[in-house]
Amino acid sequence: MTITKLLSGIRIPFKLALRRTGGIALLAAIAAVLCAATAQAQNTQVTIEGTITSVGSQPGITVGDKYSMVVYYNPAQAPSSTGDSGAFYTGYTLNAVIDDKNGNESFSAAPGEQLFVEAQPGETEFVSAPCCGTDATGAGFGLMGTQTVSPFKSDALPTALTLADFTDTFVAFGIHGATGNITSLRVVDTGGIVPAFITAGLPDPDGKVPTLNGVAGSGVTNLDISFPMTLLTHGTSYVYTFTFEDVNFTGTCQASFALTQIQFNKTVTLDSGKDPAFSCGPGTFWFWTFNGKVIPDFPRPAILTGTVTYGTTKANISSTVVFD
């Protein structure tokens, strides 16, 4: 892919209330009413930062101004088209802000702009094209390398990026030739399932909680649980509540928990539990309550961890508790 295709006009050198009791786990699934954008959520975020190196005739921007650009996409999406030995993608968002002395200026992907990935010997590219020259608030980026062996394994959208892998890097803004360097490149991958929390609470002797939508007249779906506790008394047993939301995964899931503590320089598993596997899909969120064992007489901190296994991937969330 040539640079003229990237930048026109700029020259750059270069489920409801399903409840089940089984074993130690009480499970509930809530079929969330979510918009289509959530059900097809993008889950890789690339943050690009640097400074403006050339303003061209772009008003209100000064050389040295700092900018931040965020590109957000689902790396599992299929290409919208292929060509130039690479692949084009349309399912993404791009937003950028230049912090200039006259007030911040905001930019976004221009109409028709696409992400392009190429992984060929001697030519590695991850760019947005065409970004600029025709749209006053358009913005784009270019990451290009000339390695014999590409750091990309394929033309799929990347889930990991290292700035040192690219020999030519830049960003561009607007229609008047403003460009900048790239000094920071960060990637955050959010899994297809995201745990929300895990907490400990006292069992309800009356059996009223946990429950779904236990607040009469509430206008939102609510989860009613025993008050979360972090100081756990030895000789007492607790209920552990673990929740997650399915962002964009379809397949088999399994929930589990573990209570661990460091004793005499060794990590000891004091309690654990696992729910049978089940089918999960985008736009649902779930909770489990596990009935825990009696807390031992070993005063010190411990770690309560909830894990959801989806496909071959695991997502964890932990909470610190203290035994007294």
Protein backbone atom coordinates (compact mmCIF):
# COMPACT_ATOMS: atom_id res chain seq x y z
CA MET A 1 0.00 0.00 0.00
CA THR A 2 1.54 3.34 -1.03
CA ILE A 3 1.55 6.42 1.13
CA THR A 4 -0.53 8.32 -1.45
CA LYS A 5 -3.41 5.94 -0.74
CA LEU A 6 -3.14 6.73 2.94
CA LEU A 7 -3.12 10.49 2.86
CA SER A 8 -4.61 12.46 0.06
CA GLY A 9 -3.17 15.97 -0.12
CA ILE A 10 -0.43 15.42 2.50
CA ARG A 11 3.16 14.42 1.86
CA ILE A 12 4.94 12.41 4.51
CA PRO A 13 8.43 11.00 4.21
CA PHE A 14 8.55 7.57 4.85
CA LYS A 15 -31.23 -14.30 29.90
CA LEU A 16 -34.26 -13.19 32.45
CA ALA A 17 -34.11 -14.81 35.96
CA LEU A 18 -32.93 -18.28 35.09
CA ARG A 19 -32.02 -19.68 38.51
CA ARG A 20 -30.46 -23.00 39.26
CA THR A 21 -29.21 -24.58 42.44
CA GLY A 22 -26.55 -27.23 41.93
CA GLY A 23 -23.87 -28.37 44.37
CA ILE A 24 -22.44 -25.34 46.09
CA ALA A 25 -23.41 -22.89 43.40
CA LEU A 26 -26.54 -20.86 42.87
CA LEU A 27 -26.52 -19.42 39.38
CA ALA A 28 -28.57 -16.73 37.76
CA ALA A 29 -28.45 -15.40 34.20
CA ILE A 30 -30.03 -12.16 33.10
CA ALA A 31 -30.81 -11.60 29.45
CA ALA A 32 -29.72 -7.99 29.13
CA VAL A 33 -31.56 -5.65 26.80
CA LEU A 34 -28.56 -4.09 25.12
CA CYS A 35 -28.06 -2.23 21.87
CA ALA A 36 -26.49 -3.96 18.90
CA ALA A 37 -23.25 -2.06 19.41
CA THR A 38 -22.80 -3.74 22.77
CA ALA A 39 -23.63 -7.20 21.50
CA GLN A 40 -20.95 -6.74 18.83
CA ALA A 41 -18.57 -4.84 21.07
CA GLN A 42 -15.07 -3.97 19.98
CA ASN A 43 -12.48 -5.06 22.45
CA THR A 44 -9.00 -3.88 21.49
CA GLN A 45 -8.05 -0.31 22.32
CA VAL A 46 -4.93 1.27 20.82
CA THR A 47 -3.83 4.57 22.36
CA ILE A 48 -1.41 6.62 20.27
CA GLU A 49 0.28 9.70 21.75
CA GLY A 50 2.91 12.20 20.69
CA THR A 51 3.40 15.81 19.64
CA ILE A 52 2.58 17.91 16.61
CA THR A 53 5.65 18.32 14.39
CA SER A 54 4.13 20.24 11.48
CA VAL A 55 1.00 22.39 11.41
CA GLY A 56 0.80 23.12 7.70
CA SER A 57 -1.94 25.72 7.54
CA GLN A 58 -4.17 24.06 10.13
CA PRO A 59 -5.53 26.88 12.32
CA GLY A 60 -5.19 26.84 16.10
CA ILE A 61 -2.43 24.22 16.28
CA THR A 62 1.19 24.85 17.24
CA VAL A 63 4.28 22.71 16.79
CA GLY A 64 4.86 20.95 20.08
CA ASP A 65 1.19 20.61 20.99
CA LYS A 66 0.42 17.21 22.49
CA TYR A 67 -2.25 14.90 21.12
CA SER A 68 -3.92 11.62 22.07
CA MET A 69 -5.60 9.27 19.61
CA VAL A 70 -7.67 6.20 20.51
CA VAL A 71 -8.52 3.45 18.01
CA TYR A 72 -11.06 0.84 19.13
CA TYR A 73 -12.04 -2.36 17.31
CA ASN A 74 -12.97 -6.03 17.49
CA PRO A 75 -9.88 -7.93 16.31
CA ALA A 76 -11.95 -10.99 15.40
CA GLN A 77 -13.91 -9.20 12.66
CA ALA A 78 -13.57 -10.36 9.07
CA PRO A 79 -12.03 -7.98 6.51
CA SER A 80 -14.42 -5.82 4.57
CA SER A 81 -12.16 -6.34 1.55
CA THR A 82 -8.67 -7.44 0.64
CA GLY A 83 -6.13 -5.91 -1.69
CA ASP A 84 -2.61 -4.54 -1.98
CA SER A 85 -1.42 -7.73 -0.27
CA GLY A 86 -3.34 -6.78 2.88
CA ALA A 87 -6.80 -6.47 4.39
CA PHE A 88 -9.19 -3.57 5.02
CA TYR A 89 -11.52 -3.26 8.03
CA THR A 90 -14.46 -0.94 8.65
CA GLY A 91 -15.60 -1.98 12.15
CA TYR A 92 -13.76 0.49 14.34
CA THR A 93 -13.83 3.92 15.91
CA LEU A 94 -11.06 6.52 15.93
CA ASN A 95 -11.07 9.66 18.05
CA ALA A 96 -8.31 12.14 18.73
CA VAL A 97 -7.77 15.35 20.70
CA ILE A 98 -5.01 17.91 20.21
CA ASP A 99 -4.27 19.84 23.39
CA ASP A 100 -3.44 23.30 22.06
CA LYS A 101 -3.20 26.60 23.85
CA ASN A 102 -6.26 28.00 22.11
CA GLY A 103 -8.48 25.17 23.30
CA ASN A 104 -8.60 21.47 22.56
CA GLU A 105 -9.48 20.41 19.04
CA SER A 106 -11.26 17.11 18.39
CA PHE A 107 -10.91 14.82 15.37
CA SER A 108 -12.29 11.44 14.30
CA ALA A 109 -12.19 8.96 11.45
CA ALA A 110 -13.10 10.57 8.13
CA PRO A 111 -16.02 9.23 6.07
CA GLY A 112 -14.85 6.19 4.13
CA GLU A 113 -11.72 5.77 6.20
CA GLN A 114 -10.69 2.17 6.88
CA LEU A 115 -8.06 0.31 8.82
CA PHE A 116 -5.50 -1.49 6.69
CA VAL A 117 -3.19 -4.31 7.83
CA GLU A 118 -0.38 -5.80 5.78
CA ALA A 119 2.08 -8.49 6.89
CA GLN A 120 4.47 -9.10 4.01
CA PRO A 121 8.24 -9.64 3.98
CA GLY A 122 9.78 -6.18 3.86
CA GLU A 123 6.45 -4.42 4.25
CA THR A 124 4.49 -4.30 7.48
CA GLU A 125 1.67 -1.76 7.79
CA PHE A 126 -1.08 -0.85 10.19
CA VAL A 127 -2.69 2.37 9.00
CA SER A 128 -6.00 4.18 8.68
CA ALA A 129 -6.73 5.27 5.13
CA PRO A 130 -7.53 7.63 3.59
CA CYS A 131 -7.73 9.90 6.61
CA CYS A 132 -7.05 13.44 5.57
CA GLY A 133 -7.10 15.99 2.82
CA THR A 134 -10.87 16.07 2.34
CA ASP A 135 -12.33 16.17 5.87
CA ALA A 136 -11.60 19.07 8.21
CA THR A 137 -11.99 16.94 11.32
CA GLY A 138 -10.52 13.75 9.90
CA ALA A 139 -7.58 12.05 11.59
CA GLY A 140 -5.46 9.01 10.90
CA PHE A 141 -2.23 7.23 11.68
CA GLY A 142 0.48 5.20 10.02
CA LEU A 143 2.68 2.46 11.47
CA MET A 144 5.04 0.96 8.89
CA GLY A 145 8.03 -1.34 9.02
CA THR A 146 10.44 -2.96 6.58
CA GLN A 147 11.47 -6.12 8.44
CA THR A 148 12.19 -9.24 6.45
CA VAL A 149 10.01 -11.10 8.93
CA SER A 150 6.88 -9.13 9.78
CA PRO A 151 5.98 -8.74 13.47
CA PHE A 152 2.39 -9.48 12.38
CA LYS A 153 1.53 -13.14 11.93
CA SER A 154 -1.25 -12.33 9.48
CA ASP A 155 -3.33 -9.53 8.01
CA ALA A 156 -5.75 -9.74 10.96
CA LEU A 157 -6.23 -6.70 13.16
CA PRO A 158 -3.45 -6.68 15.78
CA THR A 159 -3.94 -7.28 19.50
CA ALA A 160 -0.36 -6.34 20.37
CA LEU A 161 1.86 -3.54 19.04
CA THR A 162 5.43 -2.49 19.81
CA LEU A 163 6.51 0.96 18.67
CA ALA A 164 10.09 -0.21 18.04
CA ASP A 165 8.81 -2.62 15.36
CA PHE A 166 7.97 0.28 13.03
CA THR A 167 10.48 2.44 11.19
CA ASP A 168 7.99 5.02 9.88
CA THR A 169 5.28 6.33 12.19
CA PHE A 170 3.08 9.40 12.07
CA VAL A 171 -0.37 10.86 12.65
CA ALA A 172 -2.25 13.38 10.52
CA PHE A 173 -5.11 15.78 11.19
CA GLY A 174 -7.53 17.81 9.10
CA ILE A 175 -7.18 19.11 5.54
CA HIS A 176 -4.30 21.55 5.99
CA GLY A 177 -1.31 19.28 6.53
CA ALA A 178 -1.01 18.99 10.31
CA THR A 179 1.09 15.97 11.27
CA GLY A 180 2.74 14.59 14.38
CA ASN A 181 5.16 12.00 15.63
CA ILE A 182 4.31 8.94 17.71
CA THR A 183 6.14 8.64 21.03
CA SER A 184 3.80 6.25 22.85
CA LEU A 185 1.81 3.25 21.67
CA ARG A 186 -0.32 1.30 24.16
CA VAL A 187 -2.68 -1.61 23.56
CA VAL A 188 -5.34 -2.80 25.99
CA ASP A 189 -7.22 -5.97 25.11
CA THR A 190 -10.57 -6.44 26.80
CA GLY A 191 -11.70 -10.03 26.66
CA GLY A 192 -14.99 -11.22 25.25
CA ILE A 193 -16.17 -11.70 28.84
CA VAL A 194 -15.44 -9.20 31.61
CA PRO A 195 -15.84 -10.06 35.31
CA ALA A 196 -17.60 -7.36 37.32
CA PHE A 197 -16.85 -8.26 40.95
CA ILE A 198 -16.49 -10.97 43.56
CA THR A 199 -17.44 -10.34 47.16
CA ALA A 200 -18.08 -12.11 50.47
CA GLY A 201 -21.22 -11.73 52.57
CA LEU A 202 -23.11 -13.46 55.34
CA PRO A 203 -25.66 -16.14 54.38
CA ASP A 204 -29.26 -15.00 54.75
CA PRO A 205 -30.95 -17.16 57.43
CA ASP A 206 -34.33 -16.22 55.95
CA GLY A 207 -33.33 -17.23 52.42
CA LYS A 208 -34.43 -13.92 50.86
CA VAL A 209 -31.12 -13.01 49.23
CA PRO A 210 -29.45 -13.35 46.86
CA THR A 211 -32.23 -12.59 44.43
CA LEU A 212 -32.85 -10.78 41.18
CA ASN A 213 -35.08 -7.72 41.03
CA GLY A 214 -35.91 -7.92 44.71
CA VAL A 215 -36.62 -4.19 44.99
CA ALA A 216 -40.30 -3.65 44.22
CA GLY A 217 -40.95 -0.77 41.84
CA SER A 218 -37.34 -0.44 40.71
CA GLY A 219 -36.91 0.85 37.17
CA VAL A 220 -33.70 -1.12 36.52
CA THR A 221 -32.62 -4.73 36.72
CA ASN A 222 -31.03 -5.19 40.14
CA LEU A 223 -29.06 -7.83 41.99
CA ASP A 224 -29.77 -8.07 45.71
CA ILE A 225 -27.03 -9.68 47.80
CA SER A 226 -25.78 -9.78 51.36
CA PHE A 227 -23.80 -6.64 52.22
CA PRO A 228 -20.20 -7.07 50.95
CA MET A 229 -17.68 -7.69 53.71
CA THR A 230 -13.88 -7.59 53.76
CA LEU A 231 -13.23 -8.48 57.44
CA LEU A 232 -14.08 -12.16 57.81
CA THR A 233 -14.33 -13.79 61.24
CA HIS A 234 -12.72 -17.17 61.78
CA GLY A 235 -15.19 -19.90 62.59
CA THR A 236 -17.80 -18.27 60.33
CA SER A 237 -18.82 -19.28 56.82
CA TYR A 238 -19.69 -16.81 54.07
CA VAL A 239 -21.39 -16.64 50.71
CA TYR A 240 -19.23 -15.57 47.75
CA THR A 241 -20.98 -13.72 44.93
CA PHE A 242 -19.29 -13.55 41.54
CA THR A 243 -20.61 -11.71 38.46
CA PHE A 244 -19.58 -11.13 34.87
CA GLU A 245 -20.94 -9.71 31.63
CA ASP A 246 -20.60 -11.36 28.22
CA VAL A 247 -19.47 -8.68 25.82
CA ASN A 248 -19.05 -10.55 22.55
CA PHE A 249 -18.33 -14.24 23.21
CA THR A 250 -20.53 -17.10 22.02
CA GLY A 251 -19.76 -20.57 23.30
CA THR A 252 -19.21 -22.52 26.49
CA CYS A 253 -18.52 -20.82 29.83
CA GLN A 254 -17.67 -22.01 33.33
CA ALA A 255 -17.47 -20.05 36.59
CA SER A 256 -15.30 -20.82 39.59
CA PHE A 257 -13.86 -19.21 42.70
CA ALA A 258 -10.88 -19.69 45.00
CA LEU A 259 -9.94 -18.33 48.41
CA THR A 260 -6.18 -18.34 48.91
CA GLN A 261 -3.79 -17.16 51.60
CA ILE A 262 -0.04 -17.04 52.06
CA GLN A 263 0.91 -19.19 55.03
CA PHE A 264 4.55 -19.76 55.95
CA ASN A 265 5.72 -18.47 52.54
CA LYS A 266 3.39 -20.81 50.64
CA THR A 267 0.12 -20.00 48.84
CA VAL A 268 -2.57 -22.21 50.32
CA THR A 269 -6.02 -22.74 48.73
CA LEU A 270 -8.46 -22.58 51.62
CA ASP A 271 -11.64 -22.96 49.61
CA SER A 272 -12.69 -23.31 45.97
CA GLY A 273 -15.67 -24.21 43.85
CA LYS A 274 -16.66 -24.65 40.23
CA ASP A 275 -19.98 -24.52 38.42
CA PRO A 276 -20.83 -26.91 35.55
CA ALA A 277 -20.18 -25.54 32.06
CA PHE A 278 -23.02 -23.73 30.31
CA SER A 279 -23.74 -21.86 27.08
CA CYS A 280 -23.29 -18.11 27.08
CA GLY A 281 -23.62 -15.39 24.47
CA PRO A 282 -23.28 -11.65 23.84
CA GLY A 283 -25.55 -9.30 25.73
CA THR A 284 -25.98 -11.42 28.86
CA PHE A 285 -24.69 -11.00 32.37
CA TRP A 286 -24.49 -13.60 35.09
CA PHE A 287 -23.99 -14.14 38.79
CA TRP A 288 -23.18 -17.06 41.03
CA THR A 289 -23.23 -17.50 44.78
CA PHE A 290 -20.93 -20.11 46.27
CA ASN A 291 -21.43 -21.30 49.84
CA GLY A 292 -18.00 -21.12 51.44
CA LYS A 293 -16.28 -23.22 54.08
CA VAL A 294 -15.67 -22.01 57.65
CA ILE A 295 -12.92 -19.40 57.82
CA PRO A 296 -9.81 -20.80 59.57
CA ASP A 297 -8.12 -19.25 62.60
CA PHE A 298 -5.19 -17.73 60.72
CA PRO A 299 -5.45 -13.91 61.04
CA ARG A 300 -4.03 -12.11 58.03
CA PRO A 301 -5.07 -11.07 54.49
CA ALA A 302 -6.39 -13.53 51.92
CA ILE A 303 -7.35 -13.25 48.25
CA LEU A 304 -10.82 -14.09 46.93
CA THR A 305 -10.72 -14.72 43.18
CA GLY A 306 -13.53 -15.30 40.70
CA THR A 307 -12.69 -16.88 37.34
CA VAL A 308 -14.77 -17.35 34.24
CA THR A 309 -13.42 -19.73 31.60
CA TYR A 310 -14.82 -19.09 28.13
CA GLY A 311 -13.56 -21.28 25.33
CA THR A 312 -9.82 -21.56 25.98
CA THR A 313 -9.58 -18.15 27.68
CA LYS A 314 -9.81 -17.26 31.37
CA ALA A 315 -10.77 -13.92 32.91
CA ASN A 316 -10.21 -13.24 36.61
CA ILE A 317 -11.13 -10.67 39.19
CA SER A 318 -9.87 -10.60 42.78
CA SER A 319 -10.76 -8.99 46.08
CA THR A 320 -8.67 -8.75 49.25
CA VAL A 321 -10.25 -9.93 52.49
CA VAL A 322 -8.82 -10.07 55.99
CA PHE A 323 -9.33 -12.81 58.56
CA ASP A 324 -9.68 -11.94 62.24
